[in-house]
Amino acid sequence: MTKKLFAVMLLSLTISACEPAGTENNSNANSNARPAASTPAPATPEPSPSVKPQLKTGDKVKVTINGAATDATVVSVDEKSGKVTVKVEGQKEEKTVAIADVIKN
């Protein structure tokens, strides 16, 4: 009787070892199948110079200030920092704004 019980236990262990793993173990198997994180992320393309507005001193532009477009004249352009200094019509002071906030007329 002990031999039969031992044989049945051995047979059940062998069968359970051959069966595919349940869903709990599959989630671990899928996480190991992911590609390595060492793959570099795609670089953000730098906008080409032809796409940037070509601003020069003295150009008439519209500048977005406080959400409203205002007429202005370009005083200077600093492309390295991405800033433009403009003289807004009707004001005495010059303002420095981002190039993205300037629309060429």
Protein backbone atom coordinates (compact mmCIF):
# COMPACT_ATOMS: atom_id res chain seq x y z
CA MET A 1 0.00 0.00 0.00
CA THR A 2 2.83 2.44 0.79
CA LYS A 3 4.44 1.71 -2.58
CA LYS A 4 1.19 2.55 -4.40
CA LEU A 5 0.77 5.80 -2.45
CA PHE A 6 4.39 6.77 -3.15
CA ALA A 7 3.94 5.95 -6.88
CA VAL A 8 0.76 8.06 -7.09
CA MET A 9 2.46 11.02 -5.38
CA LEU A 10 5.47 10.76 -7.68
CA LEU A 11 3.19 10.53 -10.73
CA SER A 12 1.16 13.59 -9.62
CA LEU A 13 4.32 15.61 -9.00
CA THR A 14 5.66 14.67 -12.43
CA ILE A 15 2.40 15.61 -14.15
CA SER A 16 2.14 18.94 -12.31
CA ALA A 17 5.73 19.79 -13.28
CA CYS A 18 4.91 19.22 -16.95
CA GLU A 19 1.76 21.38 -16.97
CA PRO A 20 2.08 24.99 -18.12
CA ALA A 21 2.35 27.57 -15.36
CA GLY A 22 -0.74 29.50 -14.24
CA THR A 23 -1.37 33.19 -15.03
CA GLU A 24 0.53 34.29 -11.92
CA ASN A 25 3.77 32.88 -13.25
CA ASN A 26 3.12 34.15 -16.80
CA SER A 27 3.20 37.76 -15.62
CA ASN A 28 6.71 37.19 -14.34
CA ALA A 29 7.73 35.50 -17.58
CA ASN A 30 6.40 38.46 -19.60
CA SER A 31 8.24 40.99 -17.46
CA ASN A 32 11.50 39.17 -18.15
CA ALA A 33 10.79 39.26 -21.89
CA ARG A 34 10.79 43.07 -22.03
CA PRO A 35 13.65 44.71 -23.90
CA ALA A 36 16.45 46.13 -21.84
CA ALA A 37 16.05 49.70 -20.60
CA SER A 38 19.47 50.58 -21.97
CA THR A 39 17.95 51.36 -25.37
CA PRO A 40 18.31 55.13 -25.77
CA ALA A 41 15.16 57.17 -26.25
CA PRO A 42 14.77 58.83 -29.64
CA ALA A 43 16.25 62.30 -29.62
CA THR A 44 13.96 65.25 -30.12
CA PRO A 45 14.72 66.63 -33.56
CA GLU A 46 16.14 70.13 -33.61
CA PRO A 47 14.03 72.45 -35.78
CA SER A 48 15.82 73.33 -38.95
CA PRO A 49 17.02 76.91 -39.40
CA SER A 50 14.70 77.37 -42.38
CA VAL A 51 11.67 76.80 -40.12
CA LYS A 52 12.65 79.46 -37.58
CA PRO A 53 11.42 82.94 -38.37
CA GLN A 54 14.33 85.02 -39.66
CA LEU A 55 14.09 88.08 -37.45
CA LYS A 56 16.31 91.11 -37.91
CA THR A 57 16.66 94.40 -36.11
CA GLY A 58 13.97 96.80 -37.28
CA ASP A 59 11.44 94.12 -38.37
CA LYS A 60 7.81 94.90 -37.61
CA VAL A 61 6.31 92.01 -35.60
CA LYS A 62 3.39 91.06 -33.43
CA VAL A 63 4.29 90.00 -29.90
CA THR A 64 2.06 87.97 -27.60
CA ILE A 65 2.01 89.74 -24.23
CA ASN A 66 -0.48 88.66 -21.58
CA GLY A 67 -2.35 86.62 -24.21
CA ALA A 68 -2.89 89.54 -26.60
CA ALA A 69 -1.04 90.22 -29.86
CA THR A 70 0.62 93.65 -29.83
CA ASP A 71 2.50 95.48 -32.61
CA ALA A 72 6.22 95.89 -31.92
CA THR A 73 9.61 96.47 -33.57
CA VAL A 74 12.58 94.11 -33.11
CA VAL A 75 15.50 95.76 -31.28
CA SER A 76 17.79 92.71 -31.02
CA VAL A 77 17.74 88.93 -31.46
CA ASP A 78 19.62 86.38 -29.33
CA GLU A 79 19.15 83.03 -31.09
CA LYS A 80 21.34 81.14 -28.59
CA SER A 81 19.00 81.91 -25.70
CA GLY A 82 15.89 82.02 -27.91
CA LYS A 83 15.00 85.57 -26.88
CA VAL A 84 14.04 88.69 -28.80
CA THR A 85 14.13 92.23 -27.45
CA VAL A 86 11.29 94.33 -28.86
CA LYS A 87 9.99 97.88 -28.53
CA VAL A 88 6.22 97.74 -28.12
CA GLU A 89 4.36 100.59 -29.82
CA GLY A 90 2.99 103.07 -27.28
CA GLN A 91 5.46 102.07 -24.56
CA LYS A 92 8.80 103.59 -23.59
CA GLU A 93 10.47 100.40 -22.31
CA GLU A 94 11.85 97.51 -24.32
CA LYS A 95 10.68 93.98 -23.53
CA THR A 96 12.53 90.70 -23.90
CA VAL A 97 10.30 87.82 -25.01
CA ALA A 98 10.74 84.29 -26.30
CA ILE A 99 11.13 83.85 -30.05
CA ALA A 100 8.04 81.60 -29.97
CA ASP A 101 5.96 84.60 -28.84
CA VAL A 102 6.97 86.68 -31.89
CA ILE A 103 5.08 86.55 -35.19
CA LYS A 104 6.67 88.26 -38.16
CA ASN A 105 4.33 90.57 -40.10
